Amino acid sequence: MQDRIEYILFIGLSRFVRIIGLKLSRRLAYLLAAFFYYIVPIRKSTVKENLRRAFPDFSKSSINKIAFGSYRSFCITLVEILYLPSISREELKSSVTYSEIPLIKRRYNEGNGLIFLGAHYGNWEYIALTVALHLEIPITVIVKSQRNTFVTKWLDAMRVKWGNKIVPLGISIRQVYKELKEKRIVAMVADQRGPSDGIRIDFMGRKASVFAGPALLAMKTGAPIMFGVTIRQPDFSYKAEIEFINIEDLPEEEELKIAELSQRHAAVLEKYIRKFPEQWFWMHKRWKY
C-alpha cells in the first residue's frame, strides 16, 4: 500500500511539472530544495559530514552553501526526470552538448565495445539518454532498482524510450560481459560506495571502497573506459565532459591493475567534484567504512 501511495504522489508531481513546464519547474526547484533542506532535512547530516570530510579546510559557511546547492541541484535533476514523458527527442538531445562525439565513435569502431562510466553528478539520467542520441547508437545501461517497484518501472520505461537497453544491477557479470563482447556500449555509474572488503583507493583525500566491476570488465574484454559527467550551466543546459581513462603502464599483478584503473577513473570524478561540488550527490555515505 505504501508503494502505491508513493507512486501516486510521484505521478501527480510528474503531471504537475509537465503542466507548468520545465522552465518554471526548474526555478521552483529552489523552493523544493529549501523544503527538504530546512523543513524536512532528509540526509542533511550525511551531506554535511561528507562535505567536512572532503573539504576539511572549508569554512562552515562554505560547507552550508555547498550543502544547500547540492539539494537544489538534486531537485533540478528530479523535476527534469519527472518531465521526461513530455520532452521531445530533439529537445532532449539539444539539452546536452558534446564535443567528443567523433572521438567516441572512433573508439567504438575499433570493435571492442565501450565501458561508459558516469556518476551521480549534474543530471546522470540525461547523460545516458543523450549520448546515445548524439552517437545514434543505443547503449546498454546498468541500473539499480528503486525500493518502490512502481517507480522503478516508470523510470525504466523512460530509460528505454529512445532505444537504450537496461540491465538490472546484480545480474550476472556474464550478461554484461556478453554485451561488451557483442561490441555494445555499456553504461554504469561508478561513484557509489563499494563493499567493506572491497578495493580501497584515494578519493577526495580519504581512503574509499570501490566496486571492481568496471576495471575487471575492461581487463577481460579489452573495452576502453570512458568517464563522463554533465555539468549544469546557468541557463539549465548541460555540457558533457568525456574523458578516456588511460589503461597503459598498469602493474603486472591483477589485483593491483584493478586498483590502479579504479584509482584513475575516480581521479577524473574527483577533478569535477572539486570544480563544481554542489553538482555531486552527497547524500549517500561514501566513507561509511
Protein backbone atom coordinates (compact mmCIF):
# COMPACT_ATOMS: atom_id res chain seq x y z
CA MET A 1 0.00 0.00 0.00
CA GLN A 2 2.82 2.41 0.87
CA ASP A 3 4.44 1.84 -2.53
CA ARG A 4 1.15 2.61 -4.31
CA ILE A 5 0.61 5.82 -2.35
CA GLU A 6 4.19 6.94 -3.03
CA TYR A 7 3.75 6.15 -6.71
CA ILE A 8 0.50 8.13 -6.92
CA LEU A 9 2.28 11.12 -5.38
CA PHE A 10 5.21 10.61 -7.75
CA ILE A 11 2.95 10.52 -10.81
CA GLY A 12 0.99 13.51 -9.51
CA LEU A 13 4.18 15.53 -9.18
CA SER A 14 5.25 14.45 -12.67
CA ARG A 15 1.95 15.68 -14.14
CA PHE A 16 2.24 18.96 -12.24
CA VAL A 17 5.75 19.51 -13.63
CA ARG A 18 4.56 18.72 -17.14
CA ILE A 19 1.61 21.11 -16.82
CA ILE A 20 3.60 24.13 -15.62
CA GLY A 21 6.52 23.37 -17.95
CA LEU A 22 10.18 22.60 -17.48
CA LYS A 23 11.38 26.19 -17.37
CA LEU A 24 9.20 27.17 -14.41
CA SER A 25 9.69 23.78 -12.71
CA ARG A 26 13.45 24.24 -12.68
CA ARG A 27 13.06 27.59 -10.98
CA LEU A 28 10.62 26.17 -8.45
CA ALA A 29 13.23 23.53 -7.62
CA TYR A 30 14.76 26.16 -5.33
CA LEU A 31 11.63 26.07 -3.14
CA LEU A 32 11.61 22.27 -3.21
CA ALA A 33 15.26 22.24 -2.14
CA ALA A 34 14.51 24.66 0.70
CA PHE A 35 11.70 22.39 1.89
CA PHE A 36 13.94 19.30 2.05
CA TYR A 37 16.91 21.20 3.45
CA TYR A 38 15.26 23.33 6.13
CA ILE A 39 11.85 21.80 6.91
CA VAL A 40 12.22 18.07 6.25
CA PRO A 41 16.03 17.74 6.33
CA ILE A 42 16.42 14.37 4.64
CA ARG A 43 20.05 13.16 4.97
CA LYS A 44 21.22 16.67 5.80
CA SER A 45 23.62 15.41 8.47
CA THR A 46 25.10 12.91 5.99
CA VAL A 47 25.60 15.63 3.38
CA LYS A 48 27.41 17.93 5.79
CA GLU A 49 29.55 15.15 7.24
CA ASN A 50 30.62 14.09 3.73
CA LEU A 51 31.48 17.69 2.85
CA ARG A 52 33.51 18.18 6.02
CA ARG A 53 35.48 15.03 5.23
CA ALA A 54 36.03 16.00 1.60
CA PHE A 55 36.85 19.66 2.32
CA PRO A 56 38.32 19.82 5.84
CA ASP A 57 39.73 23.31 5.24
CA PHE A 58 36.41 24.84 4.17
CA SER A 59 34.59 27.20 6.50
CA LYS A 60 31.22 26.36 7.99
CA SER A 61 29.51 28.87 5.71
CA SER A 62 31.14 27.32 2.63
CA ILE A 63 30.03 23.86 3.70
CA ASN A 64 26.47 25.12 4.23
CA LYS A 65 26.44 26.84 0.84
CA ILE A 66 27.60 23.70 -0.99
CA ALA A 67 25.18 21.56 1.01
CA PHE A 68 22.17 23.63 0.02
CA GLY A 69 23.47 23.84 -3.54
CA SER A 70 23.57 20.05 -3.70
CA TYR A 71 19.91 19.88 -2.63
CA ARG A 72 18.98 22.41 -5.28
CA SER A 73 20.96 20.51 -7.91
CA PHE A 74 19.23 17.27 -6.98
CA CYS A 75 15.79 18.91 -7.10
CA ILE A 76 16.50 20.34 -10.56
CA THR A 77 17.52 16.86 -11.70
CA LEU A 78 14.36 15.45 -10.14
CA VAL A 79 12.00 17.79 -11.99
CA GLU A 80 13.88 17.16 -15.23
CA ILE A 81 13.35 13.42 -14.75
CA LEU A 82 9.68 13.96 -13.91
CA TYR A 83 9.30 15.92 -17.15
CA LEU A 84 10.74 13.13 -19.33
CA PRO A 85 7.33 11.83 -20.53
CA SER A 86 6.71 15.19 -22.23
CA ILE A 87 10.14 16.03 -23.59
CA SER A 88 10.74 15.53 -27.30
CA ARG A 89 13.67 13.65 -28.76
CA GLU A 90 15.18 16.81 -30.23
CA GLU A 91 14.61 18.85 -27.06
CA LEU A 92 16.36 16.19 -25.00
CA LYS A 93 19.21 15.83 -27.48
CA SER A 94 19.85 19.58 -27.62
CA SER A 95 19.83 19.91 -23.82
CA VAL A 96 23.35 18.41 -23.59
CA THR A 97 26.25 19.49 -25.80
CA TYR A 98 29.15 17.16 -26.60
CA SER A 99 32.50 17.93 -28.19
CA GLU A 100 33.88 14.38 -28.07
CA ILE A 101 31.34 12.52 -30.23
CA PRO A 102 33.78 11.93 -33.15
CA LEU A 103 36.35 10.51 -30.71
CA ILE A 104 33.78 8.26 -29.06
CA LYS A 105 32.64 6.95 -32.44
CA ARG A 106 36.23 6.32 -33.46
CA ARG A 107 36.93 4.30 -30.30
CA TYR A 108 33.61 2.45 -30.69
CA ASN A 109 34.52 1.50 -34.26
CA GLU A 110 37.65 -0.24 -33.01
CA GLY A 111 35.27 -3.12 -32.24
CA ASN A 112 35.95 -3.84 -28.58
CA GLY A 113 32.80 -2.28 -27.18
CA LEU A 114 32.93 0.62 -24.75
CA ILE A 115 32.55 0.95 -20.99
CA PHE A 116 30.90 4.28 -20.22
CA LEU A 117 31.26 5.26 -16.59
CA GLY A 118 29.14 8.03 -15.12
CA ALA A 119 28.39 9.44 -11.71
CA HIS A 120 25.54 10.99 -9.75
CA TYR A 121 26.63 14.37 -10.99
CA GLY A 122 24.59 17.03 -12.78
CA ASN A 123 21.78 15.08 -14.41
CA TRP A 124 23.00 11.49 -14.53
CA GLU A 125 19.89 10.27 -16.36
CA TYR A 126 20.35 12.80 -19.15
CA ILE A 127 23.89 11.71 -19.99
CA ALA A 128 22.95 8.07 -20.66
CA LEU A 129 20.00 9.15 -22.78
CA THR A 130 21.67 11.93 -24.75
CA VAL A 131 25.00 10.28 -25.53
CA ALA A 132 23.05 7.56 -27.33
CA LEU A 133 21.07 10.17 -29.26
CA HIS A 134 24.20 12.06 -30.30
CA LEU A 135 26.03 8.87 -31.25
CA GLU A 136 22.92 7.41 -32.91
CA ILE A 137 23.92 4.16 -31.20
CA PRO A 138 21.73 2.54 -28.49
CA ILE A 139 23.59 1.75 -25.28
CA THR A 140 23.05 -0.79 -22.51
CA VAL A 141 22.59 0.87 -19.13
CA ILE A 142 23.20 -0.98 -15.86
CA VAL A 143 20.55 0.31 -13.45
CA LYS A 144 19.86 -0.08 -9.75
CA SER A 145 16.24 -0.79 -8.86
CA GLN A 146 14.50 1.65 -6.52
CA ARG A 147 12.85 0.45 -3.33
CA ASN A 148 9.47 1.27 -4.87
CA THR A 149 8.88 -1.18 -7.73
CA PHE A 150 6.26 1.08 -9.35
CA VAL A 151 8.72 3.97 -9.55
CA THR A 152 11.38 1.60 -10.89
CA LYS A 153 9.09 0.52 -13.74
CA TRP A 154 8.31 4.17 -14.55
CA LEU A 155 12.00 5.10 -14.62
CA ASP A 156 12.93 2.06 -16.68
CA ALA A 157 10.25 2.98 -19.25
CA MET A 158 11.86 6.42 -19.61
CA ARG A 159 15.34 4.91 -19.91
CA VAL A 160 14.36 2.75 -22.88
CA LYS A 161 12.03 5.28 -24.52
CA TRP A 162 14.59 6.36 -27.14
CA GLY A 163 16.15 2.97 -27.83
CA ASN A 164 18.50 2.19 -24.95
CA LYS A 165 18.50 -1.17 -23.20
CA ILE A 166 18.63 -1.71 -19.44
CA VAL A 167 20.18 -4.48 -17.39
CA PRO A 168 19.37 -4.58 -13.64
CA LEU A 169 22.29 -4.19 -11.27
CA GLY A 170 23.09 -7.52 -9.63
CA ILE A 171 22.56 -9.59 -12.75
CA SER A 172 25.38 -11.99 -13.54
CA ILE A 173 28.50 -10.22 -14.74
CA ARG A 174 28.41 -12.71 -17.61
CA GLN A 175 25.48 -10.81 -19.12
CA VAL A 176 27.38 -7.53 -19.03
CA TYR A 177 30.45 -9.32 -20.39
CA LYS A 178 28.27 -10.66 -23.23
CA GLU A 179 27.08 -7.14 -24.08
CA LEU A 180 30.68 -5.94 -24.41
CA LYS A 181 31.77 -8.96 -26.45
CA GLU A 182 28.91 -8.13 -28.81
CA LYS A 183 30.57 -4.74 -29.31
CA ARG A 184 27.97 -2.72 -27.40
CA ILE A 185 28.38 0.35 -25.23
CA VAL A 186 27.68 -0.47 -21.59
CA ALA A 187 27.00 2.41 -19.20
CA MET A 188 27.06 2.34 -15.40
CA VAL A 189 27.60 4.73 -12.50
CA ALA A 190 30.95 4.43 -10.77
CA ASP A 191 30.76 6.70 -7.74
CA GLN A 192 28.90 4.52 -5.24
CA ARG A 193 30.43 3.01 -2.13
CA GLY A 194 31.89 -0.42 -2.68
CA PRO A 195 31.76 -3.36 -0.25
CA SER A 196 33.50 -3.17 3.12
CA ASP A 197 36.11 -5.68 1.93
CA GLY A 198 36.43 -4.05 -1.49
CA ILE A 199 39.42 -2.45 -3.13
CA ARG A 200 40.48 0.81 -1.50
CA ILE A 201 41.52 3.90 -3.40
CA ASP A 202 42.25 7.53 -2.59
CA PHE A 203 39.17 9.68 -3.14
CA MET A 204 38.81 13.30 -2.03
CA GLY A 205 41.77 12.90 0.30
CA ARG A 206 40.45 9.78 2.04
CA LYS A 207 40.50 6.04 1.50
CA ALA A 208 37.29 4.80 -0.10
CA SER A 209 35.99 1.40 -1.12
CA VAL A 210 35.07 0.92 -4.80
CA PHE A 211 33.44 -1.73 -6.96
CA ALA A 212 35.98 -3.63 -9.03
CA GLY A 213 33.50 -4.39 -11.84
CA PRO A 214 34.36 -1.63 -14.36
CA ALA A 215 38.11 -2.24 -14.17
CA LEU A 216 37.69 -6.01 -14.27
CA LEU A 217 35.43 -5.81 -17.33
CA ALA A 218 37.92 -3.59 -19.12
CA MET A 219 40.73 -6.04 -18.43
CA LYS A 220 38.73 -9.10 -19.51
CA THR A 221 37.25 -7.61 -22.71
CA GLY A 222 39.75 -5.01 -23.84
CA ALA A 223 36.97 -2.44 -23.94
CA PRO A 224 38.12 1.16 -23.49
CA ILE A 225 36.80 3.03 -20.45
CA MET A 226 35.38 6.50 -20.87
CA PHE A 227 34.21 8.63 -17.98
CA GLY A 228 31.53 11.27 -18.43
CA VAL A 229 29.60 13.85 -16.44
CA THR A 230 27.06 16.52 -17.32
CA ILE A 231 27.88 19.96 -15.96
CA ARG A 232 24.82 22.14 -15.48
CA GLN A 233 25.13 25.63 -16.95
CA PRO A 234 23.47 28.83 -15.65
CA ASP A 235 20.75 28.54 -18.33
CA PHE A 236 19.99 24.93 -17.20
CA SER A 237 21.54 23.39 -20.28
CA TYR A 238 24.36 20.88 -19.84
CA LYS A 239 27.87 20.50 -21.12
CA ALA A 240 29.10 16.92 -21.21
CA GLU A 241 32.71 16.27 -20.29
CA ILE A 242 34.03 12.93 -21.54
CA GLU A 243 37.49 11.52 -20.85
CA PHE A 244 39.02 8.20 -21.82
CA ILE A 245 40.87 6.51 -18.99
CA ASN A 246 44.49 5.63 -19.68
CA ILE A 247 44.88 1.84 -19.50
CA GLU A 248 48.62 1.75 -20.20
CA ASP A 249 51.51 1.24 -17.77
CA LEU A 250 49.48 -0.88 -15.36
CA PRO A 251 51.03 -3.13 -12.69
CA GLU A 252 51.57 -6.79 -13.55
CA GLU A 253 49.52 -8.24 -10.70
CA GLU A 254 45.78 -8.41 -11.50
CA GLU A 255 44.55 -7.02 -8.19
CA LEU A 256 46.93 -4.08 -8.49
CA LYS A 257 45.77 -3.49 -12.07
CA ILE A 258 42.16 -3.30 -10.90
CA ALA A 259 43.08 -0.92 -8.10
CA GLU A 260 45.07 1.34 -10.40
CA LEU A 261 42.33 1.50 -13.06
CA SER A 262 39.77 2.23 -10.36
CA GLN A 263 42.03 4.95 -8.98
CA ARG A 264 42.35 6.54 -12.40
CA HIS A 265 38.63 6.86 -13.09
CA ALA A 266 37.98 8.02 -9.52
CA ALA A 267 40.56 10.77 -10.03
CA VAL A 268 38.62 12.07 -13.02
CA LEU A 269 35.42 12.25 -10.98
CA GLU A 270 37.26 13.97 -8.13
CA LYS A 271 38.50 16.63 -10.53
CA TYR A 272 34.94 17.58 -11.49
CA ILE A 273 33.65 17.38 -7.94
CA ARG A 274 36.30 19.87 -6.86
CA LYS A 275 35.29 22.21 -9.70
CA PHE A 276 31.55 22.12 -9.01
CA PRO A 277 31.00 20.32 -5.68
CA GLU A 278 27.32 21.27 -5.45
CA GLN A 279 26.55 19.20 -8.57
CA TRP A 280 27.54 15.88 -6.99
CA PHE A 281 25.09 13.78 -4.99
CA TRP A 282 26.42 13.98 -1.43
CA MET A 283 23.50 12.18 0.22
CA HIS A 284 24.99 8.69 0.38
CA LYS A 285 27.59 7.66 2.97
CA ARG A 286 30.59 7.46 0.65
CA TRP A 287 33.02 6.96 3.54
CA LYS A 288 30.94 4.66 5.73
CA TYR A 289 33.98 2.46 6.42
